[in-house]
Amino acid sequence: MIILWVLVPLSLLLLGLATWAFFWAVDNNQFEQIEQDAQRSLDDEAL
């Protein structure tokens, strides 16, 4: 039962960290050209 006092705050901390990282990525335009970058990696002429 004592382990719950450790795991619950730890999971909430990790959830907060993941949420912060997601919003940071959105604010820094990390999701702008996902499809174009994928197509460029498959294009033979770009190499």
N, C-alpha and C. Protein backbone atom coordinates (compact mmCIF):
# COMPACT_ATOMS: atom_id res chain seq x y z
N MET A 1 0.82 -1.19 0.00
CA MET A 1 0.00 0.00 0.00
C MET A 1 0.87 1.26 0.00
N ILE A 2 2.05 1.15 0.59
CA ILE A 2 2.96 2.29 0.63
C ILE A 2 3.42 2.66 -0.78
N ILE A 3 3.53 1.66 -1.65
CA ILE A 3 4.03 1.92 -3.00
C ILE A 3 3.11 2.85 -3.77
N LEU A 4 1.83 2.88 -3.44
CA LEU A 4 0.90 3.79 -4.11
C LEU A 4 1.26 5.25 -3.84
N TRP A 5 1.82 5.52 -2.67
CA TRP A 5 2.23 6.90 -2.35
C TRP A 5 3.41 7.34 -3.21
N VAL A 6 4.10 6.40 -3.81
CA VAL A 6 5.21 6.71 -4.70
C VAL A 6 4.75 6.70 -6.16
N LEU A 7 4.00 5.67 -6.54
CA LEU A 7 3.64 5.49 -7.94
C LEU A 7 2.62 6.50 -8.45
N VAL A 8 1.66 6.88 -7.63
CA VAL A 8 0.64 7.83 -8.09
C VAL A 8 1.27 9.21 -8.37
N PRO A 9 2.05 9.79 -7.46
CA PRO A 9 2.69 11.07 -7.82
C PRO A 9 3.68 10.95 -8.97
N LEU A 10 4.38 9.83 -9.05
CA LEU A 10 5.32 9.63 -10.14
C LEU A 10 4.59 9.57 -11.48
N SER A 11 3.47 8.88 -11.53
CA SER A 11 2.71 8.81 -12.78
C SER A 11 2.13 10.17 -13.15
N LEU A 12 1.69 10.94 -12.17
CA LEU A 12 1.18 12.28 -12.46
C LEU A 12 2.30 13.19 -12.95
N LEU A 13 3.48 13.03 -12.39
CA LEU A 13 4.62 13.82 -12.85
C LEU A 13 4.98 13.47 -14.29
N LEU A 14 5.00 12.18 -14.62
CA LEU A 14 5.30 11.77 -15.99
C LEU A 14 4.22 12.22 -16.97
N LEU A 15 2.97 12.20 -16.55
CA LEU A 15 1.88 12.68 -17.38
C LEU A 15 2.04 14.18 -17.65
N GLY A 16 2.39 14.93 -16.63
CA GLY A 16 2.62 16.36 -16.81
C GLY A 16 3.80 16.63 -17.72
N LEU A 17 4.86 15.86 -17.60
CA LEU A 17 6.03 16.01 -18.46
C LEU A 17 5.69 15.70 -19.91
N ALA A 18 4.92 14.65 -20.15
CA ALA A 18 4.52 14.30 -21.51
C ALA A 18 3.61 15.36 -22.11
N THR A 19 2.71 15.90 -21.32
CA THR A 19 1.83 16.97 -21.79
C THR A 19 2.62 18.21 -22.14
N TRP A 20 3.57 18.57 -21.29
CA TRP A 20 4.43 19.73 -21.56
C TRP A 20 5.24 19.52 -22.84
N ALA A 21 5.79 18.33 -23.02
CA ALA A 21 6.59 18.05 -24.21
C ALA A 21 5.74 18.12 -25.47
N PHE A 22 4.50 17.65 -25.41
CA PHE A 22 3.61 17.72 -26.57
C PHE A 22 3.33 19.17 -26.94
N PHE A 23 2.96 19.99 -25.96
CA PHE A 23 2.65 21.38 -26.27
C PHE A 23 3.89 22.15 -26.69
N TRP A 24 5.06 21.79 -26.17
CA TRP A 24 6.30 22.42 -26.62
C TRP A 24 6.54 22.11 -28.09
N ALA A 25 6.32 20.87 -28.48
CA ALA A 25 6.52 20.47 -29.87
C ALA A 25 5.54 21.17 -30.80
N VAL A 26 4.31 21.33 -30.37
CA VAL A 26 3.33 22.02 -31.19
C VAL A 26 3.70 23.50 -31.33
N ASP A 27 4.12 24.12 -30.25
CA ASP A 27 4.51 25.54 -30.29
C ASP A 27 5.73 25.78 -31.16
N ASN A 28 6.63 24.82 -31.25
CA ASN A 28 7.85 24.97 -32.04
C ASN A 28 7.72 24.38 -33.44
N ASN A 29 6.49 24.18 -33.89
CA ASN A 29 6.20 23.73 -35.25
C ASN A 29 6.89 22.41 -35.61
N GLN A 30 6.91 21.48 -34.71
CA GLN A 30 7.52 20.19 -34.98
C GLN A 30 6.63 19.29 -35.83
N PHE A 31 5.35 19.63 -35.95
CA PHE A 31 4.41 18.79 -36.68
C PHE A 31 3.95 19.44 -37.98
N GLU A 32 4.71 20.35 -38.52
CA GLU A 32 4.28 21.10 -39.70
C GLU A 32 4.40 20.30 -41.00
N GLN A 33 5.49 19.63 -41.25
CA GLN A 33 5.72 19.00 -42.55
C GLN A 33 6.01 17.51 -42.39
N ILE A 34 5.13 16.82 -41.73
CA ILE A 34 5.36 15.40 -41.48
C ILE A 34 5.30 14.60 -42.78
N GLU A 35 4.30 14.85 -43.62
CA GLU A 35 4.14 14.06 -44.84
C GLU A 35 5.22 14.38 -45.87
N GLN A 36 5.62 15.63 -45.98
CA GLN A 36 6.64 15.99 -46.95
C GLN A 36 7.99 15.37 -46.58
N ASP A 37 8.32 15.36 -45.31
CA ASP A 37 9.58 14.75 -44.89
C ASP A 37 9.58 13.24 -45.13
N ALA A 38 8.43 12.60 -44.94
CA ALA A 38 8.35 11.16 -45.19
C ALA A 38 8.51 10.86 -46.67
N GLN A 39 7.90 11.66 -47.51
CA GLN A 39 8.03 11.46 -48.95
C GLN A 39 9.46 11.73 -49.42
N ARG A 40 10.11 12.73 -48.83
CA ARG A 40 11.48 13.06 -49.24
C ARG A 40 12.44 11.91 -48.91
N SER A 41 12.18 11.21 -47.80
CA SER A 41 13.08 10.11 -47.44
C SER A 41 12.92 8.93 -48.40
N LEU A 42 11.76 8.82 -49.07
CA LEU A 42 11.53 7.73 -50.01
C LEU A 42 11.88 8.10 -51.44
N ASP A 43 12.14 9.36 -51.70
CA ASP A 43 12.44 9.83 -53.05
C ASP A 43 13.88 9.49 -53.43
N ASP A 44 14.06 8.83 -54.55
CA ASP A 44 15.39 8.43 -54.99
C ASP A 44 16.22 9.62 -55.47
N GLU A 45 15.59 10.63 -56.06
CA GLU A 45 16.33 11.76 -56.59
C GLU A 45 16.88 12.67 -55.49
N ALA A 46 16.30 12.64 -54.33
CA ALA A 46 16.78 13.50 -53.24
C ALA A 46 18.11 12.99 -52.67
N LEU A 47 18.44 11.75 -52.91
CA LEU A 47 19.67 11.19 -52.38
C LEU A 47 20.77 11.59 -53.27
